[in-house]
Amino acid sequence: MKQQAFVLNQFFPESLMDEITEIRLSTPEVIETEAQRRRRRSKLTRDGRLVLVAVDHPARGVTKIRGDEYAMGDRWQLLGRARRVLTDPNLDGVLGSVDVLEELLILSHIERHTTGRSFLDDRVLLGSMNRGGLSGAVFEMDDMFTGMSAERMVELGCDGGKMLYRLDLQDPASGRTLRACAQAINALRRNKLAAFVEPLAVSKKGSGYDTAKDFGSLVRLCGIASGLGDSSGHVWLKLPYCEDFERVCRATTLPILLLGGPARESPVDTLRDFAQGLAAGARVRGAIIGRNLLYPGKDDPLPMCRALSKLVHEACGVDEALRALEESEVQEIPTLHSTL
């Protein structure tokens, strides 16, 4: 399967990074101004489905892509790739830590200055809330809410907030995280924002944790997550795909977004996973993807994004999505320009 090699500097000149830093120093109020100018959707979804790209990994100390330990630690690559996939009109929006969302707002300001338009108009913006459970830390299960608050999300014109709780029944820190998630769900409801909850069952193994992805664990987690807080009326679930996912879908009436998980070697495998998950039941309403979308080896991440958004929003089969992946070399995307 031939795809177009991605040369970041041809699309996203590195000088844009210098301009973002200069704006941070000289006119940081641009962030709030651009947030207020951004045109927001009247509803969270246009068709009851969502495809979002996640760019909050570095805030938890996660930078590895396959064999490269620090791939996501290169902010030029991370931000440029996120901007690249946002040229797909069917990509609904971004889930990010506060620094990345603010960088995207600054970039939106720069582009508005040169084109009169913003690539964030009519997109969904989600803030990442608990980033304190740092990967590999002894306090990893005590996942503190060190990220965005619901009040800051309102200031930045966000549409919702995302939280993670990893449940290790042998670790009391998981209980503290569970309680914090319930409080965050309440805060989001008070501010009329959607809550996206990612429940995972884990167990300690050596210096890290194994994640349980069997249907039984996910069924129990659906019940726990659905019952958190004062109301479930604004809550979505983020769940990994597993065998017998149809049984997981019967555990809740809440809408479900599929997790992307670690980067795969083959885009075909990734698309097949998503296609199977989307076909599992009416509760599944889309996907949140990150590493496996943004870092497809040396290839351009945009064709993969287009194929996935076609799977979700056009309800096509995996073969049609794969054809879209093969044909996505067609459209040249203009180079972005710095105003420095």
C-alpha atoms as a PDB file:
ATOM      1  CA  MET A   1       0.000   0.000   0.000  1.00  0.00           C
ATOM      2  CA  LYS A   2       1.762   3.095  -1.246  1.00  0.00           C
ATOM      3  CA  GLN A   3       1.275   6.309   0.700  1.00  0.00           C
ATOM      4  CA  GLN A   4       2.727   9.773   0.545  1.00  0.00           C
ATOM      5  CA  ALA A   5       5.792  10.250   2.739  1.00  0.00           C
ATOM      6  CA  PHE A   6       5.321  13.030   5.264  1.00  0.00           C
ATOM      7  CA  VAL A   7       7.892  15.828   5.292  1.00  0.00           C
ATOM      8  CA  LEU A   8       6.781  18.022   8.165  1.00  0.00           C
ATOM      9  CA  ASN A   9       8.718  21.126   7.197  1.00  0.00           C
ATOM     10  CA  GLN A  10       6.970  21.266   3.828  1.00  0.00           C
ATOM     11  CA  PHE A  11       3.613  21.595   5.565  1.00  0.00           C
ATOM     12  CA  PHE A  12       4.407  23.114   8.960  1.00  0.00           C
ATOM     13  CA  PRO A  13       7.603  25.234   8.885  1.00  0.00           C
ATOM     14  CA  GLU A  14       9.603  25.062  12.101  1.00  0.00           C
ATOM     15  CA  SER A  15       9.571  28.872  12.228  1.00  0.00           C
ATOM     16  CA  LEU A  16       5.954  28.594  13.388  1.00  0.00           C
ATOM     17  CA  MET A  17       7.237  27.155  16.666  1.00  0.00           C
ATOM     18  CA  ASP A  18       9.375  30.262  17.171  1.00  0.00           C
ATOM     19  CA  GLU A  19       6.361  32.467  16.499  1.00  0.00           C
ATOM     20  CA  ILE A  20       4.237  30.588  19.038  1.00  0.00           C
ATOM     21  CA  THR A  21       6.934  31.141  21.671  1.00  0.00           C
ATOM     22  CA  GLU A  22       7.190  34.830  20.756  1.00  0.00           C
ATOM     23  CA  ILE A  23       3.421  35.252  21.168  1.00  0.00           C
ATOM     24  CA  ARG A  24       3.568  33.475  24.536  1.00  0.00           C
ATOM     25  CA  LEU A  25       6.118  36.077  25.653  1.00  0.00           C
ATOM     26  CA  SER A  26       4.742  39.237  24.091  1.00  0.00           C
ATOM     27  CA  THR A  27       0.955  38.859  23.795  1.00  0.00           C
ATOM     28  CA  PRO A  28      -0.270  35.825  25.768  1.00  0.00           C
ATOM     29  CA  GLU A  29      -3.762  37.344  25.859  1.00  0.00           C
ATOM     30  CA  VAL A  30      -4.071  36.100  22.276  1.00  0.00           C
ATOM     31  CA  ILE A  31      -5.038  32.715  23.735  1.00  0.00           C
ATOM     32  CA  GLU A  32      -8.231  33.981  25.384  1.00  0.00           C
ATOM     33  CA  THR A  33      -9.032  36.331  22.490  1.00  0.00           C
ATOM     34  CA  GLU A  34      -8.830  33.531  19.941  1.00  0.00           C
ATOM     35  CA  ALA A  35     -10.871  31.230  22.195  1.00  0.00           C
ATOM     36  CA  GLN A  36     -13.650  33.841  22.254  1.00  0.00           C
ATOM     37  CA  ARG A  37     -13.495  34.390  18.472  1.00  0.00           C
ATOM     38  CA  ARG A  38     -13.655  30.695  17.663  1.00  0.00           C
ATOM     39  CA  ARG A  39     -17.010  29.668  16.205  1.00  0.00           C
ATOM     40  CA  ARG A  40     -18.458  26.836  18.270  1.00  0.00           C
ATOM     41  CA  ARG A  41     -20.957  24.167  17.354  1.00  0.00           C
ATOM     42  CA  SER A  42     -24.508  24.500  18.597  1.00  0.00           C
ATOM     43  CA  LYS A  43     -24.423  20.771  19.499  1.00  0.00           C
ATOM     44  CA  LEU A  44     -21.586  18.454  20.455  1.00  0.00           C
ATOM     45  CA  THR A  45     -22.182  16.149  17.484  1.00  0.00           C
ATOM     46  CA  ARG A  46     -23.561  16.780  14.028  1.00  0.00           C
ATOM     47  CA  ASP A  47     -24.768  13.239  13.428  1.00  0.00           C
ATOM     48  CA  GLY A  48     -24.540  11.568  16.831  1.00  0.00           C
ATOM     49  CA  ARG A  49     -20.929  10.492  16.171  1.00  0.00           C
ATOM     50  CA  LEU A  50     -17.473  11.827  16.979  1.00  0.00           C
ATOM     51  CA  VAL A  51     -13.918  11.329  15.775  1.00  0.00           C
ATOM     52  CA  LEU A  52     -11.330  13.078  17.955  1.00  0.00           C
ATOM     53  CA  VAL A  53      -7.545  13.154  17.982  1.00  0.00           C
ATOM     54  CA  ALA A  54      -5.805  12.896  21.376  1.00  0.00           C
ATOM     55  CA  VAL A  55      -2.659  14.946  21.987  1.00  0.00           C
ATOM     56  CA  ASP A  56      -2.366  14.810  25.770  1.00  0.00           C
ATOM     57  CA  HIS A  57       0.196  11.992  26.082  1.00  0.00           C
ATOM     58  CA  PRO A  58       3.343  14.038  26.938  1.00  0.00           C
ATOM     59  CA  ALA A  59       1.587  15.608  29.939  1.00  0.00           C
ATOM     60  CA  ARG A  60       1.663  12.147  31.543  1.00  0.00           C
ATOM     61  CA  GLY A  61       5.270  11.545  30.526  1.00  0.00           C
ATOM     62  CA  VAL A  62       4.290   9.240  27.645  1.00  0.00           C
ATOM     63  CA  THR A  63       6.494   9.930  24.614  1.00  0.00           C
ATOM     64  CA  LYS A  64       7.241   6.501  23.106  1.00  0.00           C
ATOM     65  CA  ILE A  65       6.158   5.499  19.605  1.00  0.00           C
ATOM     66  CA  ARG A  66       7.095   1.915  18.815  1.00  0.00           C
ATOM     67  CA  GLY A  67      10.924   1.826  19.134  1.00  0.00           C
ATOM     68  CA  ASP A  68      11.439   5.576  19.544  1.00  0.00           C
ATOM     69  CA  GLU A  69      11.368   6.473  23.245  1.00  0.00           C
ATOM     70  CA  TYR A  70      10.976  10.227  22.688  1.00  0.00           C
ATOM     71  CA  ALA A  71       9.000  10.576  19.443  1.00  0.00           C
ATOM     72  CA  MET A  72       6.099  12.438  21.061  1.00  0.00           C
ATOM     73  CA  GLY A  73       8.550  14.558  23.022  1.00  0.00           C
ATOM     74  CA  ASP A  74       9.326  16.554  19.861  1.00  0.00           C
ATOM     75  CA  ARG A  75       6.686  19.288  20.141  1.00  0.00           C
ATOM     76  CA  TRP A  76       7.194  20.416  16.538  1.00  0.00           C
ATOM     77  CA  GLN A  77       6.318  16.925  15.335  1.00  0.00           C
ATOM     78  CA  LEU A  78       3.383  16.567  17.733  1.00  0.00           C
ATOM     79  CA  LEU A  79       1.838  19.956  16.975  1.00  0.00           C
ATOM     80  CA  GLY A  80       2.524  19.769  13.248  1.00  0.00           C
ATOM     81  CA  ARG A  81       0.968  16.316  12.950  1.00  0.00           C
ATOM     82  CA  ALA A  82      -2.078  17.414  14.950  1.00  0.00           C
ATOM     83  CA  ARG A  83      -2.501  20.406  12.649  1.00  0.00           C
ATOM     84  CA  ARG A  84      -2.064  18.151   9.628  1.00  0.00           C
ATOM     85  CA  VAL A  85      -4.955  15.833  10.489  1.00  0.00           C
ATOM     86  CA  LEU A  86      -7.128  18.847  11.314  1.00  0.00           C
ATOM     87  CA  THR A  87      -7.221  19.567   7.594  1.00  0.00           C
ATOM     88  CA  ASP A  88      -9.716  16.678   7.409  1.00  0.00           C
ATOM     89  CA  PRO A  89     -13.149  18.371   7.687  1.00  0.00           C
ATOM     90  CA  ASN A  90     -14.652  15.161   9.088  1.00  0.00           C
ATOM     91  CA  LEU A  91     -12.284  15.108  12.078  1.00  0.00           C
ATOM     92  CA  ASP A  92     -14.511  16.544  14.784  1.00  0.00           C
ATOM     93  CA  GLY A  93     -11.860  17.931  17.088  1.00  0.00           C
ATOM     94  CA  VAL A  94      -9.070  17.583  19.606  1.00  0.00           C
ATOM     95  CA  LEU A  95      -8.542  16.198  23.095  1.00  0.00           C
ATOM     96  CA  GLY A  96      -5.509  17.934  24.555  1.00  0.00           C
ATOM     97  CA  SER A  97      -3.655  18.983  27.650  1.00  0.00           C
ATOM     98  CA  VAL A  98      -3.854  22.694  28.371  1.00  0.00           C
ATOM     99  CA  ASP A  99      -0.488  23.522  26.806  1.00  0.00           C
ATOM    100  CA  VAL A 100      -1.358  21.856  23.492  1.00  0.00           C
ATOM    101  CA  LEU A 101      -4.834  23.409  23.333  1.00  0.00           C
ATOM    102  CA  GLU A 102      -3.345  26.836  23.983  1.00  0.00           C
ATOM    103  CA  GLU A 103      -0.702  26.244  21.301  1.00  0.00           C
ATOM    104  CA  LEU A 104      -3.426  25.336  18.836  1.00  0.00           C
ATOM    105  CA  LEU A 105      -5.310  28.516  19.744  1.00  0.00           C
ATOM    106  CA  ILE A 106      -2.156  30.578  19.148  1.00  0.00           C
ATOM    107  CA  LEU A 107      -1.654  28.810  15.828  1.00  0.00           C
ATOM    108  CA  SER A 108      -5.293  29.511  14.987  1.00  0.00           C
ATOM    109  CA  HIS A 109      -4.622  33.201  15.657  1.00  0.00           C
ATOM    110  CA  ILE A 110      -1.585  33.148  13.346  1.00  0.00           C
ATOM    111  CA  GLU A 111      -3.516  31.470  10.543  1.00  0.00           C
ATOM    112  CA  ARG A 112      -6.514  33.774  10.954  1.00  0.00           C
ATOM    113  CA  HIS A 113      -4.127  36.708  10.464  1.00  0.00           C
ATOM    114  CA  THR A 114      -3.004  35.348   7.084  1.00  0.00           C
ATOM    115  CA  THR A 115      -6.141  33.570   5.784  1.00  0.00           C
ATOM    116  CA  GLY A 116      -9.049  35.137   7.664  1.00  0.00           C
ATOM    117  CA  ARG A 117     -10.159  31.682   8.827  1.00  0.00           C
ATOM    118  CA  SER A 118      -9.582  29.392  11.799  1.00  0.00           C
ATOM    119  CA  PHE A 119      -9.081  25.641  11.546  1.00  0.00           C
ATOM    120  CA  LEU A 120     -10.672  25.366  15.008  1.00  0.00           C
ATOM    121  CA  ASP A 121     -14.034  26.813  13.976  1.00  0.00           C
ATOM    122  CA  ASP A 122     -16.846  24.297  14.493  1.00  0.00           C
ATOM    123  CA  ARG A 123     -14.452  21.792  16.082  1.00  0.00           C
ATOM    124  CA  VAL A 124     -14.908  20.031  19.416  1.00  0.00           C
ATOM    125  CA  LEU A 125     -12.259  20.890  22.020  1.00  0.00           C
ATOM    126  CA  LEU A 126     -11.837  18.649  25.066  1.00  0.00           C
ATOM    127  CA  GLY A 127      -9.532  19.432  27.972  1.00  0.00           C
ATOM    128  CA  SER A 128      -7.510  16.676  29.648  1.00  0.00           C
ATOM    129  CA  MET A 129      -8.067  16.858  33.408  1.00  0.00           C
ATOM    130  CA  ASN A 130      -6.087  14.283  35.423  1.00  0.00           C
ATOM    131  CA  ARG A 131      -2.488  14.042  34.256  1.00  0.00           C
ATOM    132  CA  GLY A 132      -0.869  13.438  37.650  1.00  0.00           C
ATOM    133  CA  GLY A 133      -0.591   9.653  37.397  1.00  0.00           C
ATOM    134  CA  LEU A 134       2.758   9.856  35.665  1.00  0.00           C
ATOM    135  CA  SER A 135       3.844   6.823  33.689  1.00  0.00           C
ATOM    136  CA  GLY A 136       6.213   4.688  35.782  1.00  0.00           C
ATOM    137  CA  ALA A 137       5.808   6.718  38.987  1.00  0.00           C
ATOM    138  CA  VAL A 138       5.209   5.017  42.350  1.00  0.00           C
ATOM    139  CA  PHE A 139       2.086   7.212  42.620  1.00  0.00           C
ATOM    140  CA  GLU A 140       0.789   6.309  39.131  1.00  0.00           C
ATOM    141  CA  MET A 141      -2.549   5.009  40.447  1.00  0.00           C
ATOM    142  CA  ASP A 142      -3.093   8.183  42.485  1.00  0.00           C
ATOM    143  CA  ASP A 143      -4.059  10.028  39.320  1.00  0.00           C
ATOM    144  CA  MET A 144      -4.292  13.597  40.538  1.00  0.00           C
ATOM    145  CA  PHE A 145      -6.226  16.272  38.644  1.00  0.00           C
ATOM    146  CA  THR A 146      -3.228  18.374  37.719  1.00  0.00           C
ATOM    147  CA  GLY A 147      -4.610  19.399  34.293  1.00  0.00           C
ATOM    148  CA  MET A 148      -7.454  21.632  33.187  1.00  0.00           C
ATOM    149  CA  SER A 149     -10.314  22.548  35.487  1.00  0.00           C
ATOM    150  CA  ALA A 150     -13.903  22.841  34.277  1.00  0.00           C
ATOM    151  CA  GLU A 151     -13.728  26.595  34.896  1.00  0.00           C
ATOM    152  CA  ARG A 152     -10.668  26.990  32.645  1.00  0.00           C
ATOM    153  CA  MET A 153     -12.392  24.961  29.945  1.00  0.00           C
ATOM    154  CA  VAL A 154     -15.222  27.468  29.964  1.00  0.00           C
ATOM    155  CA  GLU A 155     -12.707  30.314  29.557  1.00  0.00           C
ATOM    156  CA  LEU A 156     -11.144  28.573  26.553  1.00  0.00           C
ATOM    157  CA  GLY A 157     -14.471  27.728  24.943  1.00  0.00           C
ATOM    158  CA  CYS A 158     -14.061  23.969  25.355  1.00  0.00           C
ATOM    159  CA  ASP A 159     -16.929  21.552  24.876  1.00  0.00           C
ATOM    160  CA  GLY A 160     -16.006  19.015  27.522  1.00  0.00           C
ATOM    161  CA  GLY A 161     -13.375  17.388  29.679  1.00  0.00           C
ATOM    162  CA  LYS A 162     -11.746  13.981  29.702  1.00  0.00           C
ATOM    163  CA  MET A 163     -10.594  11.956  32.692  1.00  0.00           C
ATOM    164  CA  LEU A 164      -9.023   8.541  33.225  1.00  0.00           C
ATOM    165  CA  TYR A 165      -9.451   6.160  36.094  1.00  0.00           C
ATOM    166  CA  ARG A 166      -7.404   3.005  36.293  1.00  0.00           C
ATOM    167  CA  LEU A 167      -8.863   0.565  38.758  1.00  0.00           C
ATOM    168  CA  ASP A 168      -6.425  -1.636  40.688  1.00  0.00           C
ATOM    169  CA  LEU A 169      -8.475  -3.312  43.395  1.00  0.00           C
ATOM    170  CA  GLN A 170      -5.320  -3.861  45.470  1.00  0.00           C
ATOM    171  CA  ASP A 171      -4.221  -0.203  45.456  1.00  0.00           C
ATOM    172  CA  PRO A 172      -6.029   2.353  47.667  1.00  0.00           C
ATOM    173  CA  ALA A 173      -4.836   5.136  45.360  1.00  0.00           C
ATOM    174  CA  SER A 174      -7.367   3.924  42.787  1.00  0.00           C
ATOM    175  CA  GLY A 175     -10.126   4.752  45.262  1.00  0.00           C
ATOM    176  CA  ARG A 176      -8.876   8.320  45.592  1.00  0.00           C
ATOM    177  CA  THR A 177      -8.801   8.687  41.818  1.00  0.00           C
ATOM    178  CA  LEU A 178     -12.328   7.287  41.564  1.00  0.00           C
ATOM    179  CA  ARG A 179     -13.604   9.886  44.029  1.00  0.00           C
ATOM    180  CA  ALA A 180     -11.783  12.685  42.186  1.00  0.00           C
ATOM    181  CA  CYS A 181     -13.373  11.574  38.914  1.00  0.00           C
ATOM    182  CA  ALA A 182     -16.842  11.775  40.474  1.00  0.00           C
ATOM    183  CA  GLN A 183     -16.096  15.318  41.623  1.00  0.00           C
ATOM    184  CA  ALA A 184     -14.838  16.262  38.156  1.00  0.00           C
ATOM    185  CA  ILE A 185     -18.003  14.870  36.519  1.00  0.00           C
ATOM    186  CA  ASN A 186     -20.041  17.084  38.859  1.00  0.00           C
ATOM    187  CA  ALA A 187     -17.912  20.151  38.042  1.00  0.00           C
ATOM    188  CA  LEU A 188     -18.341  19.578  34.308  1.00  0.00           C
ATOM    189  CA  ARG A 189     -22.115  19.254  34.718  1.00  0.00           C
ATOM    190  CA  ARG A 190     -22.286  22.525  36.679  1.00  0.00           C
ATOM    191  CA  ASN A 191     -20.486  24.229  33.800  1.00  0.00           C
ATOM    192  CA  LYS A 192     -22.678  22.570  31.133  1.00  0.00           C
ATOM    193  CA  LEU A 193     -19.775  20.608  29.668  1.00  0.00           C
ATOM    194  CA  ALA A 194     -19.659  16.989  28.515  1.00  0.00           C
ATOM    195  CA  ALA A 195     -17.643  14.469  30.539  1.00  0.00           C
ATOM    196  CA  PHE A 196     -15.576  11.787  28.782  1.00  0.00           C
ATOM    197  CA  VAL A 197     -14.588   9.032  31.216  1.00  0.00           C
ATOM    198  CA  GLU A 198     -11.965   6.391  30.401  1.00  0.00           C
ATOM    199  CA  PRO A 199     -12.190   3.446  32.847  1.00  0.00           C
ATOM    200  CA  LEU A 200      -9.476   0.789  32.710  1.00  0.00           C
ATOM    201  CA  ALA A 201      -8.880  -2.259  34.907  1.00  0.00           C
ATOM    202  CA  VAL A 202      -5.190  -2.750  35.676  1.00  0.00           C
ATOM    203  CA  SER A 203      -2.957  -4.947  37.790  1.00  0.00           C
ATOM    204  CA  LYS A 204       0.599  -4.393  38.972  1.00  0.00           C
ATOM    205  CA  LYS A 205       3.277  -6.226  37.020  1.00  0.00           C
ATOM    206  CA  GLY A 206       6.913  -5.513  37.782  1.00  0.00           C
ATOM    207  CA  SER A 207       7.519  -1.769  37.494  1.00  0.00           C
ATOM    208  CA  GLY A 208       4.390  -1.195  35.400  1.00  0.00           C
ATOM    209  CA  TYR A 209       0.772  -2.216  34.980  1.00  0.00           C
ATOM    210  CA  ASP A 210      -1.090  -4.650  32.752  1.00  0.00           C
ATOM    211  CA  THR A 211      -4.416  -3.447  31.366  1.00  0.00           C
ATOM    212  CA  ALA A 212      -7.277  -5.961  31.330  1.00  0.00           C
ATOM    213  CA  LYS A 213      -9.201  -5.789  28.044  1.00  0.00           C
ATOM    214  CA  ASP A 214     -11.540  -8.742  28.480  1.00  0.00           C
ATOM    215  CA  PHE A 215     -15.268  -8.152  28.167  1.00  0.00           C
ATOM    216  CA  GLY A 216     -15.923  -9.100  31.810  1.00  0.00           C
ATOM    217  CA  SER A 217     -13.632  -6.381  33.160  1.00  0.00           C
ATOM    218  CA  LEU A 218     -15.097  -3.805  30.772  1.00  0.00           C
ATOM    219  CA  VAL A 219     -18.674  -4.755  31.675  1.00  0.00           C
ATOM    220  CA  ARG A 220     -17.955  -4.126  35.359  1.00  0.00           C
ATOM    221  CA  LEU A 221     -16.161  -0.878  34.566  1.00  0.00           C
ATOM    222  CA  CYS A 222     -19.144   0.368  32.539  1.00  0.00           C
ATOM    223  CA  GLY A 223     -21.353  -0.059  35.582  1.00  0.00           C
ATOM    224  CA  ILE A 224     -18.912   1.752  37.856  1.00  0.00           C
ATOM    225  CA  ALA A 225     -18.289   4.647  35.461  1.00  0.00           C
ATOM    226  CA  SER A 226     -21.976   5.120  34.645  1.00  0.00           C
ATOM    227  CA  GLY A 227     -22.786   5.548  38.316  1.00  0.00           C
ATOM    228  CA  LEU A 228     -20.199   8.216  39.143  1.00  0.00           C
ATOM    229  CA  GLY A 229     -21.258  11.714  40.171  1.00  0.00           C
ATOM    230  CA  ASP A 230     -24.588  13.496  40.413  1.00  0.00           C
ATOM    231  CA  SER A 231     -25.719  12.736  36.867  1.00  0.00           C
ATOM    232  CA  SER A 232     -24.805  10.586  33.887  1.00  0.00           C
ATOM    233  CA  GLY A 233     -26.761  12.725  31.426  1.00  0.00           C
ATOM    234  CA  HIS A 234     -23.631  14.410  30.045  1.00  0.00           C
ATOM    235  CA  VAL A 235     -21.235  11.434  30.276  1.00  0.00           C
ATOM    236  CA  TRP A 236     -19.521   9.529  27.439  1.00  0.00           C
ATOM    237  CA  LEU A 237     -17.341   6.440  27.938  1.00  0.00           C
ATOM    238  CA  LYS A 238     -13.944   5.813  26.311  1.00  0.00           C
ATOM    239  CA  LEU A 239     -13.297   2.086  26.039  1.00  0.00           C
ATOM    240  CA  PRO A 240     -10.732  -0.194  24.373  1.00  0.00           C
ATOM    241  CA  TYR A 241     -12.020  -2.717  21.868  1.00  0.00           C
ATOM    242  CA  CYS A 242     -12.010  -6.378  22.917  1.00  0.00           C
ATOM    243  CA  GLU A 243     -13.495  -9.681  21.814  1.00  0.00           C
ATOM    244  CA  ASP A 244     -17.219  -9.976  22.591  1.00  0.00           C
ATOM    245  CA  PHE A 245     -17.495  -6.189  22.557  1.00  0.00           C
ATOM    246  CA  GLU A 246     -21.205  -6.619  21.808  1.00  0.00           C
ATOM    247  CA  ARG A 247     -21.616  -7.753  25.428  1.00  0.00           C
ATOM    248  CA  VAL A 248     -19.792  -4.651  26.643  1.00  0.00           C
ATOM    249  CA  CYS A 249     -22.247  -2.497  24.680  1.00  0.00           C
ATOM    250  CA  ARG A 250     -25.128  -4.136  26.545  1.00  0.00           C
ATOM    251  CA  ALA A 251     -23.684  -3.008  29.887  1.00  0.00           C
ATOM    252  CA  THR A 252     -24.663   0.661  29.464  1.00  0.00           C
ATOM    253  CA  THR A 253     -26.858   3.144  27.613  1.00  0.00           C
ATOM    254  CA  LEU A 254     -24.095   5.779  27.612  1.00  0.00           C
ATOM    255  CA  PRO A 255     -22.457   6.610  24.259  1.00  0.00           C
ATOM    256  CA  ILE A 256     -19.076   4.938  23.757  1.00  0.00           C
ATOM    257  CA  LEU A 257     -15.969   6.133  21.941  1.00  0.00           C
ATOM    258  CA  LEU A 258     -13.359   3.540  21.021  1.00  0.00           C
ATOM    259  CA  LEU A 259      -9.788   4.043  22.170  1.00  0.00           C
ATOM    260  CA  GLY A 260      -6.994   4.003  19.652  1.00  0.00           C
ATOM    261  CA  GLY A 261      -4.312   2.447  21.856  1.00  0.00           C
ATOM    262  CA  PRO A 262      -0.612   2.129  21.015  1.00  0.00           C
ATOM    263  CA  ALA A 263       0.714   2.727  17.517  1.00  0.00           C
ATOM    264  CA  ARG A 264       0.444  -0.331  15.240  1.00  0.00           C
ATOM    265  CA  GLU A 265       2.837  -1.284  12.461  1.00  0.00           C
ATOM    266  CA  SER A 266       0.045  -1.615   9.900  1.00  0.00           C
ATOM    267  CA  PRO A 267      -2.753   0.907   9.265  1.00  0.00           C
ATOM    268  CA  VAL A 268      -4.816  -1.999   7.984  1.00  0.00           C
ATOM    269  CA  ASP A 269      -4.807  -3.613  11.450  1.00  0.00           C
ATOM    270  CA  THR A 270      -5.813  -0.328  13.077  1.00  0.00           C
ATOM    271  CA  LEU A 271      -8.717   0.252  10.693  1.00  0.00           C
ATOM    272  CA  ARG A 272      -9.947  -3.328  11.087  1.00  0.00           C
ATOM    273  CA  ASP A 273      -9.967  -2.943  14.884  1.00  0.00           C
ATOM    274  CA  PHE A 274     -12.054   0.218  14.629  1.00  0.00           C
ATOM    275  CA  ALA A 275     -14.417  -1.256  12.039  1.00  0.00           C
ATOM    276  CA  GLN A 276     -15.137  -4.257  14.265  1.00  0.00           C
ATOM    277  CA  GLY A 277     -15.686  -2.026  17.273  1.00  0.00           C
ATOM    278  CA  LEU A 278     -18.014   0.347  15.423  1.00  0.00           C
ATOM    279  CA  ALA A 279     -20.106  -2.616  14.275  1.00  0.00           C
ATOM    280  CA  ALA A 280     -20.513  -3.986  17.811  1.00  0.00           C
ATOM    281  CA  GLY A 281     -23.638  -2.022  18.726  1.00  0.00           C
ATOM    282  CA  ALA A 282     -25.579   1.230  18.622  1.00  0.00           C
ATOM    283  CA  ARG A 283     -23.844   2.476  21.761  1.00  0.00           C
ATOM    284  CA  VAL A 284     -20.538   2.873  19.882  1.00  0.00           C
ATOM    285  CA  ARG A 285     -20.535   6.413  18.491  1.00  0.00           C
ATOM    286  CA  GLY A 286     -17.014   6.995  17.243  1.00  0.00           C
ATOM    287  CA  ALA A 287     -13.384   6.982  18.278  1.00  0.00           C
ATOM    288  CA  ILE A 288     -10.627   8.898  20.015  1.00  0.00           C
ATOM    289  CA  ILE A 289      -7.285   8.201  18.422  1.00  0.00           C
ATOM    290  CA  GLY A 290      -3.780   9.384  19.108  1.00  0.00           C
ATOM    291  CA  ARG A 291      -0.459   7.686  18.528  1.00  0.00           C
ATOM    292  CA  ASN A 292      -1.717   5.155  16.003  1.00  0.00           C
ATOM    293  CA  LEU A 293      -3.199   7.972  13.897  1.00  0.00           C
ATOM    294  CA  LEU A 294      -0.536  10.664  14.227  1.00  0.00           C
ATOM    295  CA  TYR A 295       2.550   8.475  13.794  1.00  0.00           C
ATOM    296  CA  PRO A 296       1.990   5.956  10.966  1.00  0.00           C
ATOM    297  CA  GLY A 297       5.699   5.330  10.429  1.00  0.00           C
ATOM    298  CA  LYS A 298       7.101   7.586   7.708  1.00  0.00           C
ATOM    299  CA  ASP A 299       3.708   8.102   6.092  1.00  0.00           C
ATOM    300  CA  ASP A 300       1.518  11.168   6.089  1.00  0.00           C
ATOM    301  CA  PRO A 301      -1.018  10.888   8.966  1.00  0.00           C
ATOM    302  CA  LEU A 302      -3.772  12.614   6.974  1.00  0.00           C
ATOM    303  CA  PRO A 303      -4.851   9.649   4.776  1.00  0.00           C
ATOM    304  CA  MET A 304      -5.290   7.454   7.854  1.00  0.00           C
ATOM    305  CA  CYS A 305      -7.400  10.159   9.470  1.00  0.00           C
ATOM    306  CA  ARG A 306      -9.598  10.456   6.391  1.00  0.00           C
ATOM    307  CA  ALA A 307     -10.105   6.689   6.256  1.00  0.00           C
ATOM    308  CA  LEU A 308     -11.098   6.526   9.923  1.00  0.00           C
ATOM    309  CA  SER A 309     -13.446   9.518   9.773  1.00  0.00           C
ATOM    310  CA  LYS A 310     -15.073   7.874   6.756  1.00  0.00           C
ATOM    311  CA  LEU A 311     -15.596   4.700   8.801  1.00  0.00           C
ATOM    312  CA  VAL A 312     -17.317   6.675  11.552  1.00  0.00           C
ATOM    313  CA  HIS A 313     -19.292   9.361   9.753  1.00  0.00           C
ATOM    314  CA  GLU A 314     -20.205   7.508   6.565  1.00  0.00           C
ATOM    315  CA  ALA A 315     -20.709   4.096   8.184  1.00  0.00           C
ATOM    316  CA  CYS A 316     -18.739   2.459   5.379  1.00  0.00           C
ATOM    317  CA  GLY A 317     -17.060  -0.922   5.560  1.00  0.00           C
ATOM    318  CA  VAL A 318     -13.381  -1.517   6.178  1.00  0.00           C
ATOM    319  CA  ASP A 319     -12.694  -2.271   2.505  1.00  0.00           C
ATOM    320  CA  GLU A 320     -14.090   1.100   1.469  1.00  0.00           C
ATOM    321  CA  ALA A 321     -12.063   2.809   4.195  1.00  0.00           C
ATOM    322  CA  LEU A 322      -8.928   1.065   2.935  1.00  0.00           C
ATOM    323  CA  ARG A 323      -9.652   2.294  -0.584  1.00  0.00           C
ATOM    324  CA  ALA A 324      -9.975   5.808   0.815  1.00  0.00           C
ATOM    325  CA  LEU A 325      -6.611   5.342   2.504  1.00  0.00           C
ATOM    326  CA  GLU A 326      -5.022   4.354  -0.812  1.00  0.00           C
ATOM    327  CA  GLU A 327      -6.624   7.224  -2.698  1.00  0.00           C
ATOM    328  CA  SER A 328      -5.887   9.943  -0.163  1.00  0.00           C
ATOM    329  CA  GLU A 329      -2.661  11.043  -1.828  1.00  0.00           C
ATOM    330  CA  VAL A 330      -4.734  13.113  -4.189  1.00  0.00           C
ATOM    331  CA  GLN A 331      -5.137  16.410  -2.382  1.00  0.00           C
ATOM    332  CA  GLU A 332      -2.202  18.694  -1.786  1.00  0.00           C
ATOM    333  CA  ILE A 333      -2.508  20.709   1.408  1.00  0.00           C
ATOM    334  CA  PRO A 334      -1.052  24.237   1.190  1.00  0.00           C
ATOM    335  CA  THR A 335       1.999  25.007   3.315  1.00  0.00           C
ATOM    336  CA  LEU A 336       1.315  26.988   6.470  1.00  0.00           C
ATOM    337  CA  HIS A 337       3.171  30.261   6.837  1.00  0.00           C
ATOM    338  CA  SER A 338       4.668  32.143   9.743  1.00  0.00           C
ATOM    339  CA  THR A 339       4.057  35.883  10.049  1.00  0.00           C
ATOM    340  CA  LEU A 340       7.471  36.540  11.598  1.00  0.00           C
END
